[in-house]
Amino acid sequence: MKLTPQEVEDIAKLARLELSVKEKKMYAEQLSVVLDYVEILNEVDTDGVEETCQVTGLEDVVREDKIIECDEETKKKIIDQFPEKMGKLLKVKAIFADEK
């Protein structure tokens, strides 16, 4: 599958990337090679082949979250040690703050 520089520009726009004309041409060629390889893989007969998610046999170890109540004195000590607070709430830096 041959990608055009215009198609690469459209993809870059979706990814919010700014590409030079030289980069658009280069990525059009490189991505075309990758897509051609995928087309070759699509020709392989996979009927009867079971899906493989992972091959190590390892499983996620997950524990249930449990709330453990503590006495008011312990809560007060924890809150007192925290640098920023609002009443009984602990204040932390925003993670998803708008960077604009």
PDB file of N, CA and C in Angstrom:
ATOM      1  N   MET A   1       0.852  -1.178   0.000  1.00  0.00           N
ATOM      2  CA  MET A   1       0.000   0.000   0.000  1.00  0.00           C
ATOM      3  C   MET A   1       0.891   1.230   0.000  1.00  0.00           C
ATOM      4  N   LYS A   2       0.716   2.033  -0.974  1.00  0.00           N
ATOM      5  CA  LYS A   2       1.548   3.226  -1.136  1.00  0.00           C
ATOM      6  C   LYS A   2       0.837   4.425  -0.517  1.00  0.00           C
ATOM      7  N   LEU A   3       1.470   5.023   0.495  1.00  0.00           N
ATOM      8  CA  LEU A   3       0.943   6.239   1.106  1.00  0.00           C
ATOM      9  C   LEU A   3       1.498   7.459   0.401  1.00  0.00           C
ATOM     10  N   THR A   4       0.669   8.468   0.303  1.00  0.00           N
ATOM     11  CA  THR A   4       1.123   9.728  -0.280  1.00  0.00           C
ATOM     12  C   THR A   4       1.557  10.663   0.851  1.00  0.00           C
ATOM     13  N   PRO A   5       2.373  11.650   0.524  1.00  0.00           N
ATOM     14  CA  PRO A   5       2.735  12.647   1.547  1.00  0.00           C
ATOM     15  C   PRO A   5       1.501  13.341   2.135  1.00  0.00           C
ATOM     16  N   GLN A   6       0.440  13.512   1.332  1.00  0.00           N
ATOM     17  CA  GLN A   6      -0.792  14.123   1.829  1.00  0.00           C
ATOM     18  C   GLN A   6      -1.432  13.228   2.894  1.00  0.00           C
ATOM     19  N   GLU A   7      -1.433  11.920   2.683  1.00  0.00           N
ATOM     20  CA  GLU A   7      -1.996  11.002   3.683  1.00  0.00           C
ATOM     21  C   GLU A   7      -1.168  11.027   4.969  1.00  0.00           C
ATOM     22  N   VAL A   8       0.140  11.124   4.819  1.00  0.00           N
ATOM     23  CA  VAL A   8       1.004  11.231   5.997  1.00  0.00           C
ATOM     24  C   VAL A   8       0.719  12.542   6.727  1.00  0.00           C
ATOM     25  N   GLU A   9       0.485  13.610   5.976  1.00  0.00           N
ATOM     26  CA  GLU A   9       0.145  14.898   6.587  1.00  0.00           C
ATOM     27  C   GLU A   9      -1.169  14.785   7.371  1.00  0.00           C
ATOM     28  N   ASP A  10      -2.148  14.068   6.813  1.00  0.00           N
ATOM     29  CA  ASP A  10      -3.426  13.872   7.503  1.00  0.00           C
ATOM     30  C   ASP A  10      -3.237  13.086   8.798  1.00  0.00           C
ATOM     31  N   ILE A  11      -2.412  12.055   8.754  1.00  0.00           N
ATOM     32  CA  ILE A  11      -2.122  11.248   9.947  1.00  0.00           C
ATOM     33  C   ILE A  11      -1.386  12.104  10.979  1.00  0.00           C
ATOM     34  N   ALA A  12      -0.417  12.882  10.518  1.00  0.00           N
ATOM     35  CA  ALA A  12       0.349  13.749  11.422  1.00  0.00           C
ATOM     36  C   ALA A  12      -0.561  14.772  12.088  1.00  0.00           C
ATOM     37  N   LYS A  13      -1.524  15.278  11.346  1.00  0.00           N
ATOM     38  CA  LYS A  13      -2.459  16.249  11.908  1.00  0.00           C
ATOM     39  C   LYS A  13      -3.264  15.613  13.034  1.00  0.00           C
ATOM     40  N   LEU A  14      -3.715  14.370  12.834  1.00  0.00           N
ATOM     41  CA  LEU A  14      -4.452  13.670  13.884  1.00  0.00           C
ATOM     42  C   LEU A  14      -3.593  13.471  15.125  1.00  0.00           C
ATOM     43  N   ALA A  15      -2.286  13.241  14.919  1.00  0.00           N
ATOM     44  CA  ALA A  15      -1.355  13.039  16.034  1.00  0.00           C
ATOM     45  C   ALA A  15      -0.791  14.361  16.543  1.00  0.00           C
ATOM     46  N   ARG A  16      -1.238  15.451  15.958  1.00  0.00           N
ATOM     47  CA  ARG A  16      -0.764  16.795  16.323  1.00  0.00           C
ATOM     48  C   ARG A  16       0.751  16.932  16.173  1.00  0.00           C
ATOM     49  N   LEU A  17       1.238  16.426  15.049  1.00  0.00           N
ATOM     50  CA  LEU A  17       2.659  16.532  14.738  1.00  0.00           C
ATOM     51  C   LEU A  17       2.839  17.499  13.569  1.00  0.00           C
ATOM     52  N   GLU A  18       3.871  18.287  13.650  1.00  0.00           N
ATOM     53  CA  GLU A  18       4.211  19.165  12.538  1.00  0.00           C
ATOM     54  C   GLU A  18       5.394  18.544  11.804  1.00  0.00           C
ATOM     55  N   LEU A  19       5.212  18.252  10.523  1.00  0.00           N
ATOM     56  CA  LEU A  19       6.263  17.618   9.734  1.00  0.00           C
ATOM     57  C   LEU A  19       6.672  18.526   8.582  1.00  0.00           C
ATOM     58  N   SER A  20       7.943  18.480   8.272  1.00  0.00           N
ATOM     59  CA  SER A  20       8.433  19.222   7.112  1.00  0.00           C
ATOM     60  C   SER A  20       8.077  18.432   5.853  1.00  0.00           C
ATOM     61  N   VAL A  21       8.231  19.054   4.709  1.00  0.00           N
ATOM     62  CA  VAL A  21       7.954  18.384   3.437  1.00  0.00           C
ATOM     63  C   VAL A  21       8.855  17.159   3.289  1.00  0.00           C
ATOM     64  N   LYS A  22      10.120  17.300   3.694  1.00  0.00           N
ATOM     65  CA  LYS A  22      11.078  16.201   3.610  1.00  0.00           C
ATOM     66  C   LYS A  22      10.638  15.033   4.510  1.00  0.00           C
ATOM     67  N   GLU A  23      10.171  15.361   5.713  1.00  0.00           N
ATOM     68  CA  GLU A  23       9.722  14.320   6.645  1.00  0.00           C
ATOM     69  C   GLU A  23       8.473  13.617   6.124  1.00  0.00           C
ATOM     70  N   LYS A  24       7.552  14.362   5.524  1.00  0.00           N
ATOM     71  CA  LYS A  24       6.331  13.756   4.973  1.00  0.00           C
ATOM     72  C   LYS A  24       6.686  12.739   3.902  1.00  0.00           C
ATOM     73  N   LYS A  25       7.622  13.100   3.038  1.00  0.00           N
ATOM     74  CA  LYS A  25       8.040  12.188   1.966  1.00  0.00           C
ATOM     75  C   LYS A  25       8.719  10.956   2.567  1.00  0.00           C
ATOM     76  N   MET A  26       9.610  11.168   3.542  1.00  0.00           N
ATOM     77  CA  MET A  26      10.342  10.060   4.165  1.00  0.00           C
ATOM     78  C   MET A  26       9.366   9.103   4.870  1.00  0.00           C
ATOM     79  N   TYR A  27       8.429   9.665   5.655  1.00  0.00           N
ATOM     80  CA  TYR A  27       7.493   8.811   6.382  1.00  0.00           C
ATOM     81  C   TYR A  27       6.516   8.115   5.444  1.00  0.00           C
ATOM     82  N   ALA A  28       6.175   8.748   4.336  1.00  0.00           N
ATOM     83  CA  ALA A  28       5.303   8.099   3.353  1.00  0.00           C
ATOM     84  C   ALA A  28       5.981   6.832   2.834  1.00  0.00           C
ATOM     85  N   GLU A  29       7.270   6.921   2.542  1.00  0.00           N
ATOM     86  CA  GLU A  29       8.014   5.751   2.055  1.00  0.00           C
ATOM     87  C   GLU A  29       8.135   4.685   3.146  1.00  0.00           C
ATOM     88  N   GLN A  30       8.508   5.098   4.361  1.00  0.00           N
ATOM     89  CA  GLN A  30       8.713   4.135   5.446  1.00  0.00           C
ATOM     90  C   GLN A  30       7.409   3.445   5.848  1.00  0.00           C
ATOM     91  N   LEU A  31       6.348   4.207   6.001  1.00  0.00           N
ATOM     92  CA  LEU A  31       5.072   3.611   6.382  1.00  0.00           C
ATOM     93  C   LEU A  31       4.523   2.711   5.281  1.00  0.00           C
ATOM     94  N   SER A  32       4.781   3.048   4.034  1.00  0.00           N
ATOM     95  CA  SER A  32       4.343   2.198   2.918  1.00  0.00           C
ATOM     96  C   SER A  32       5.009   0.833   2.990  1.00  0.00           C
ATOM     97  N   VAL A  33       6.293   0.802   3.336  1.00  0.00           N
ATOM     98  CA  VAL A  33       7.012  -0.464   3.477  1.00  0.00           C
ATOM     99  C   VAL A  33       6.397  -1.298   4.604  1.00  0.00           C
ATOM    100  N   VAL A  34       6.089  -0.662   5.723  1.00  0.00           N
ATOM    101  CA  VAL A  34       5.489  -1.372   6.863  1.00  0.00           C
ATOM    102  C   VAL A  34       4.126  -1.934   6.462  1.00  0.00           C
ATOM    103  N   LEU A  35       3.305  -1.123   5.804  1.00  0.00           N
ATOM    104  CA  LEU A  35       1.976  -1.583   5.400  1.00  0.00           C
ATOM    105  C   LEU A  35       2.059  -2.703   4.362  1.00  0.00           C
ATOM    106  N   ASP A  36       3.057  -2.651   3.476  1.00  0.00           N
ATOM    107  CA  ASP A  36       3.264  -3.745   2.517  1.00  0.00           C
ATOM    108  C   ASP A  36       3.594  -5.040   3.255  1.00  0.00           C
ATOM    109  N   TYR A  37       4.395  -4.949   4.297  1.00  0.00           N
ATOM    110  CA  TYR A  37       4.743  -6.130   5.091  1.00  0.00           C
ATOM    111  C   TYR A  37       3.505  -6.701   5.778  1.00  0.00           C
ATOM    112  N   VAL A  38       2.648  -5.837   6.302  1.00  0.00           N
ATOM    113  CA  VAL A  38       1.415  -6.293   6.941  1.00  0.00           C
ATOM    114  C   VAL A  38       0.535  -7.001   5.920  1.00  0.00           C
ATOM    115  N   GLU A  39       0.486  -6.509   4.703  1.00  0.00           N
ATOM    116  CA  GLU A  39      -0.290  -7.170   3.644  1.00  0.00           C
ATOM    117  C   GLU A  39       0.233  -8.581   3.392  1.00  0.00           C
ATOM    118  N   ILE A  40       1.550  -8.756   3.436  1.00  0.00           N
ATOM    119  CA  ILE A  40       2.133 -10.095   3.270  1.00  0.00           C
ATOM    120  C   ILE A  40       1.683 -10.991   4.418  1.00  0.00           C
ATOM    121  N   LEU A  41       1.698 -10.458   5.641  1.00  0.00           N
ATOM    122  CA  LEU A  41       1.266 -11.243   6.802  1.00  0.00           C
ATOM    123  C   LEU A  41      -0.208 -11.609   6.708  1.00  0.00           C
ATOM    124  N   ASN A  42      -1.018 -10.756   6.099  1.00  0.00           N
ATOM    125  CA  ASN A  42      -2.446 -11.049   5.946  1.00  0.00           C
ATOM    126  C   ASN A  42      -2.690 -12.244   5.035  1.00  0.00           C
ATOM    127  N   GLU A  43      -1.721 -12.604   4.217  1.00  0.00           N
ATOM    128  CA  GLU A  43      -1.871 -13.742   3.321  1.00  0.00           C
ATOM    129  C   GLU A  43      -1.643 -15.078   4.023  1.00  0.00           C
ATOM    130  N   VAL A  44      -1.075 -15.059   5.231  1.00  0.00           N
ATOM    131  CA  VAL A  44      -0.788 -16.290   5.967  1.00  0.00           C
ATOM    132  C   VAL A  44      -2.094 -16.900   6.460  1.00  0.00           C
ATOM    133  N   ASP A  45      -2.253 -18.214   6.256  1.00  0.00           N
ATOM    134  CA  ASP A  45      -3.445 -18.924   6.699  1.00  0.00           C
ATOM    135  C   ASP A  45      -3.368 -19.157   8.208  1.00  0.00           C
ATOM    136  N   THR A  46      -4.265 -18.513   8.944  1.00  0.00           N
ATOM    137  CA  THR A  46      -4.278 -18.655  10.404  1.00  0.00           C
ATOM    138  C   THR A  46      -5.518 -19.391  10.893  1.00  0.00           C
ATOM    139  N   ASP A  47      -6.237 -20.032   9.985  1.00  0.00           N
ATOM    140  CA  ASP A  47      -7.410 -20.813  10.393  1.00  0.00           C
ATOM    141  C   ASP A  47      -6.972 -21.926  11.327  1.00  0.00           C
ATOM    142  N   GLY A  48      -7.693 -22.092  12.419  1.00  0.00           N
ATOM    143  CA  GLY A  48      -7.388 -23.152  13.369  1.00  0.00           C
ATOM    144  C   GLY A  48      -6.267 -22.815  14.336  1.00  0.00           C
ATOM    145  N   VAL A  49      -5.697 -21.621  14.223  1.00  0.00           N
ATOM    146  CA  VAL A  49      -4.636 -21.216  15.139  1.00  0.00           C
ATOM    147  C   VAL A  49      -5.282 -20.452  16.292  1.00  0.00           C
ATOM    148  N   GLU A  50      -5.022 -20.938  17.507  1.00  0.00           N
ATOM    149  CA  GLU A  50      -5.613 -20.312  18.681  1.00  0.00           C
ATOM    150  C   GLU A  50      -4.925 -18.978  18.973  1.00  0.00           C
ATOM    151  N   GLU A  51      -5.724 -18.000  19.418  1.00  0.00           N
ATOM    152  CA  GLU A  51      -5.158 -16.706  19.782  1.00  0.00           C
ATOM    153  C   GLU A  51      -4.177 -16.861  20.926  1.00  0.00           C
ATOM    154  N   THR A  52      -3.111 -16.086  20.876  1.00  0.00           N
ATOM    155  CA  THR A  52      -2.122 -16.113  21.943  1.00  0.00           C
ATOM    156  C   THR A  52      -1.995 -14.708  22.512  1.00  0.00           C
ATOM    157  N   CYS A  53      -2.386 -14.571  23.775  1.00  0.00           N
ATOM    158  CA  CYS A  53      -2.246 -13.267  24.432  1.00  0.00           C
ATOM    159  C   CYS A  53      -0.864 -13.136  25.050  1.00  0.00           C
ATOM    160  N   GLN A  54      -0.392 -14.226  25.620  1.00  0.00           N
ATOM    161  CA  GLN A  54       0.951 -14.265  26.193  1.00  0.00           C
ATOM    162  C   GLN A  54       1.366 -15.720  26.308  1.00  0.00           C
ATOM    163  N   VAL A  55       2.648 -15.967  26.376  1.00  0.00           N
ATOM    164  CA  VAL A  55       3.140 -17.341  26.312  1.00  0.00           C
ATOM    165  C   VAL A  55       3.894 -17.791  27.558  1.00  0.00           C
ATOM    166  N   THR A  56       4.033 -16.932  28.544  1.00  0.00           N
ATOM    167  CA  THR A  56       4.844 -17.287  29.705  1.00  0.00           C
ATOM    168  C   THR A  56       4.082 -18.068  30.764  1.00  0.00           C
ATOM    169  N   GLY A  57       2.732 -17.998  30.724  1.00  0.00           N
ATOM    170  CA  GLY A  57       1.950 -18.658  31.747  1.00  0.00           C
ATOM    171  C   GLY A  57       1.787 -17.831  33.008  1.00  0.00           C
ATOM    172  N   LEU A  58       2.401 -16.647  33.025  1.00  0.00           N
ATOM    173  CA  LEU A  58       2.283 -15.776  34.189  1.00  0.00           C
ATOM    174  C   LEU A  58       0.893 -15.156  34.234  1.00  0.00           C
ATOM    175  N   GLU A  59       0.403 -14.940  35.432  1.00  0.00           N
ATOM    176  CA  GLU A  59      -0.895 -14.313  35.599  1.00  0.00           C
ATOM    177  C   GLU A  59      -0.754 -13.086  36.485  1.00  0.00           C
ATOM    178  N   ASP A  60      -1.630 -12.127  36.269  1.00  0.00           N
ATOM    179  CA  ASP A  60      -1.639 -10.951  37.131  1.00  0.00           C
ATOM    180  C   ASP A  60      -2.039 -11.365  38.535  1.00  0.00           C
ATOM    181  N   VAL A  61      -1.347 -10.824  39.493  1.00  0.00           N
ATOM    182  CA  VAL A  61      -1.705 -11.051  40.881  1.00  0.00           C
ATOM    183  C   VAL A  61      -2.398  -9.782  41.348  1.00  0.00           C
ATOM    184  N   VAL A  62      -3.661  -9.899  41.634  1.00  0.00           N
ATOM    185  CA  VAL A  62      -4.452  -8.747  42.005  1.00  0.00           C
ATOM    186  C   VAL A  62      -5.039  -8.984  43.389  1.00  0.00           C
ATOM    187  N   ARG A  63      -4.999  -7.979  44.212  1.00  0.00           N
ATOM    188  CA  ARG A  63      -5.612  -8.104  45.523  1.00  0.00           C
ATOM    189  C   ARG A  63      -6.786  -7.148  45.597  1.00  0.00           C
ATOM    190  N   GLU A  64      -7.728  -7.493  46.403  1.00  0.00           N
ATOM    191  CA  GLU A  64      -8.879  -6.633  46.596  1.00  0.00           C
ATOM    192  C   GLU A  64      -8.476  -5.461  47.486  1.00  0.00           C
ATOM    193  N   ASP A  65      -8.905  -4.271  47.108  1.00  0.00           N
ATOM    194  CA  ASP A  65      -8.644  -3.109  47.953  1.00  0.00           C
ATOM    195  C   ASP A  65      -9.496  -3.215  49.208  1.00  0.00           C
ATOM    196  N   LYS A  66      -8.859  -3.034  50.342  1.00  0.00           N
ATOM    197  CA  LYS A  66      -9.577  -3.091  51.607  1.00  0.00           C
ATOM    198  C   LYS A  66      -9.361  -1.788  52.358  1.00  0.00           C
ATOM    199  N   ILE A  67     -10.426  -1.271  52.908  1.00  0.00           N
ATOM    200  CA  ILE A  67     -10.334  -0.059  53.718  1.00  0.00           C
ATOM    201  C   ILE A  67     -10.056  -0.486  55.148  1.00  0.00           C
ATOM    202  N   ILE A  68      -8.991   0.057  55.696  1.00  0.00           N
ATOM    203  CA  ILE A  68      -8.639  -0.252  57.078  1.00  0.00           C
ATOM    204  C   ILE A  68      -8.818   1.030  57.887  1.00  0.00           C
ATOM    205  N   GLU A  69      -9.753   1.005  58.769  1.00  0.00           N
ATOM    206  CA  GLU A  69     -10.026   2.174  59.602  1.00  0.00           C
ATOM    207  C   GLU A  69      -8.926   2.348  60.642  1.00  0.00           C
ATOM    208  N   CYS A  70      -8.585   3.584  60.915  1.00  0.00           N
ATOM    209  CA  CYS A  70      -7.632   3.858  61.983  1.00  0.00           C
ATOM    210  C   CYS A  70      -8.258   4.875  62.930  1.00  0.00           C
ATOM    211  N   ASP A  71      -7.688   4.973  64.085  1.00  0.00           N
ATOM    212  CA  ASP A  71      -8.271   5.866  65.093  1.00  0.00           C
ATOM    213  C   ASP A  71      -8.014   7.326  64.728  1.00  0.00           C
ATOM    214  N   GLU A  72      -8.754   8.226  65.340  1.00  0.00           N
ATOM    215  CA  GLU A  72      -8.670   9.657  65.054  1.00  0.00           C
ATOM    216  C   GLU A  72      -7.278  10.224  65.339  1.00  0.00           C
ATOM    217  N   GLU A  73      -6.601   9.715  66.345  1.00  0.00           N
ATOM    218  CA  GLU A  73      -5.259  10.209  66.686  1.00  0.00           C
ATOM    219  C   GLU A  73      -4.279   9.931  65.547  1.00  0.00           C
ATOM    220  N   THR A  74      -4.346   8.728  64.978  1.00  0.00           N
ATOM    221  CA  THR A  74      -3.470   8.373  63.854  1.00  0.00           C
ATOM    222  C   THR A  74      -3.786   9.249  62.645  1.00  0.00           C
ATOM    223  N   LYS A  75      -5.069   9.448  62.349  1.00  0.00           N
ATOM    224  CA  LYS A  75      -5.465  10.307  61.225  1.00  0.00           C
ATOM    225  C   LYS A  75      -4.907  11.717  61.417  1.00  0.00           C
ATOM    226  N   LYS A  76      -5.047  12.246  62.626  1.00  0.00           N
ATOM    227  CA  LYS A  76      -4.571  13.599  62.921  1.00  0.00           C
ATOM    228  C   LYS A  76      -3.059  13.697  62.721  1.00  0.00           C
ATOM    229  N   LYS A  77      -2.298  12.676  63.143  1.00  0.00           N
ATOM    230  CA  LYS A  77      -0.836  12.688  62.973  1.00  0.00           C
ATOM    231  C   LYS A  77      -0.466  12.717  61.489  1.00  0.00           C
ATOM    232  N   ILE A  78      -1.182  11.928  60.699  1.00  0.00           N
ATOM    233  CA  ILE A  78      -0.896  11.881  59.254  1.00  0.00           C
ATOM    234  C   ILE A  78      -1.195  13.235  58.618  1.00  0.00           C
ATOM    235  N   ILE A  79      -2.353  13.787  58.924  1.00  0.00           N
ATOM    236  CA  ILE A  79      -2.747  15.078  58.347  1.00  0.00           C
ATOM    237  C   ILE A  79      -1.781  16.179  58.770  1.00  0.00           C
ATOM    238  N   ASP A  80      -1.364  16.153  60.012  1.00  0.00           N
ATOM    239  CA  ASP A  80      -0.436  17.179  60.518  1.00  0.00           C
ATOM    240  C   ASP A  80       0.915  17.133  59.814  1.00  0.00           C
ATOM    241  N   GLN A  81       1.347  15.965  59.374  1.00  0.00           N
ATOM    242  CA  GLN A  81       2.649  15.823  58.716  1.00  0.00           C
ATOM    243  C   GLN A  81       2.618  16.206  57.243  1.00  0.00           C
ATOM    244  N   PHE A  82       1.436  16.290  56.640  1.00  0.00           N
ATOM    245  CA  PHE A  82       1.328  16.574  55.206  1.00  0.00           C
ATOM    246  C   PHE A  82       1.569  18.056  54.953  1.00  0.00           C
ATOM    247  N   PRO A  83       2.344  18.422  53.932  1.00  0.00           N
ATOM    248  CA  PRO A  83       2.717  19.827  53.714  1.00  0.00           C
ATOM    249  C   PRO A  83       1.538  20.744  53.359  1.00  0.00           C
ATOM    250  N   GLU A  84       0.614  20.282  52.506  1.00  0.00           N
ATOM    251  CA  GLU A  84      -0.522  21.125  52.133  1.00  0.00           C
ATOM    252  C   GLU A  84      -1.810  20.377  52.417  1.00  0.00           C
ATOM    253  N   LYS A  85      -2.747  21.076  53.029  1.00  0.00           N
ATOM    254  CA  LYS A  85      -4.006  20.436  53.360  1.00  0.00           C
ATOM    255  C   LYS A  85      -5.140  21.447  53.326  1.00  0.00           C
ATOM    256  N   MET A  86      -6.333  20.912  53.197  1.00  0.00           N
ATOM    257  CA  MET A  86      -7.554  21.715  53.244  1.00  0.00           C
ATOM    258  C   MET A  86      -8.478  21.015  54.240  1.00  0.00           C
ATOM    259  N   GLY A  87      -8.477  21.475  55.469  1.00  0.00           N
ATOM    260  CA  GLY A  87      -9.245  20.786  56.505  1.00  0.00           C
ATOM    261  C   GLY A  87      -8.662  19.410  56.751  1.00  0.00           C
ATOM    262  N   LYS A  88      -9.479  18.381  56.579  1.00  0.00           N
ATOM    263  CA  LYS A  88      -9.002  17.004  56.751  1.00  0.00           C
ATOM    264  C   LYS A  88      -8.565  16.379  55.425  1.00  0.00           C
ATOM    265  N   LEU A  89      -8.568  17.171  54.350  1.00  0.00           N
ATOM    266  CA  LEU A  89      -8.177  16.674  53.035  1.00  0.00           C
ATOM    267  C   LEU A  89      -6.722  17.008  52.761  1.00  0.00           C
ATOM    268  N   LEU A  90      -6.017  16.072  52.134  1.00  0.00           N
ATOM    269  CA  LEU A  90      -4.614  16.279  51.774  1.00  0.00           C
ATOM    270  C   LEU A  90      -4.563  16.827  50.356  1.00  0.00           C
ATOM    271  N   LYS A  91      -3.877  17.936  50.164  1.00  0.00           N
ATOM    272  CA  LYS A  91      -3.813  18.606  48.864  1.00  0.00           C
ATOM    273  C   LYS A  91      -2.544  18.175  48.133  1.00  0.00           C
ATOM    274  N   VAL A  92      -2.694  17.733  46.881  1.00  0.00           N
ATOM    275  CA  VAL A  92      -1.568  17.308  46.058  1.00  0.00           C
ATOM    276  C   VAL A  92      -1.553  18.121  44.764  1.00  0.00           C
ATOM    277  N   LYS A  93      -0.431  18.086  44.059  1.00  0.00           N
ATOM    278  CA  LYS A  93      -0.318  18.799  42.783  1.00  0.00           C
ATOM    279  C   LYS A  93      -1.240  18.160  41.764  1.00  0.00           C
ATOM    280  N   ALA A  94      -1.793  19.002  40.867  1.00  0.00           N
ATOM    281  CA  ALA A  94      -2.673  18.524  39.812  1.00  0.00           C
ATOM    282  C   ALA A  94      -1.881  17.673  38.822  1.00  0.00           C
ATOM    283  N   ILE A  95      -2.484  16.616  38.367  1.00  0.00           N
ATOM    284  CA  ILE A  95      -1.836  15.731  37.400  1.00  0.00           C
ATOM    285  C   ILE A  95      -2.230  16.118  35.984  1.00  0.00           C
ATOM    286  N   PHE A  96      -3.487  16.456  35.779  1.00  0.00           N
ATOM    287  CA  PHE A  96      -3.997  16.748  34.445  1.00  0.00           C
ATOM    288  C   PHE A  96      -4.217  18.235  34.235  1.00  0.00           C
ATOM    289  N   ALA A  97      -3.347  19.059  34.773  1.00  0.00           N
ATOM    290  CA  ALA A  97      -3.494  20.505  34.624  1.00  0.00           C
ATOM    291  C   ALA A  97      -3.284  20.893  33.180  1.00  0.00           C
ATOM    292  N   ASP A  98      -4.038  21.860  32.720  1.00  0.00           N
ATOM    293  CA  ASP A  98      -3.899  22.356  31.359  1.00  0.00           C
ATOM    294  C   ASP A  98      -2.584  23.120  31.250  1.00  0.00           C
ATOM    295  N   GLU A  99      -1.730  22.711  30.323  1.00  0.00           N
ATOM    296  CA  GLU A  99      -0.389  23.274  30.195  1.00  0.00           C
ATOM    297  C   GLU A  99      -0.334  24.514  29.317  1.00  0.00           C
ATOM    298  N   LYS A 100      -1.446  24.978  28.806  1.00  0.00           N
ATOM    299  CA  LYS A 100      -1.439  26.127  27.900  1.00  0.00           C
ATOM    300  C   LYS A 100      -1.301  27.411  28.643  1.00  0.00           C
TER     301      LYS A 100
END
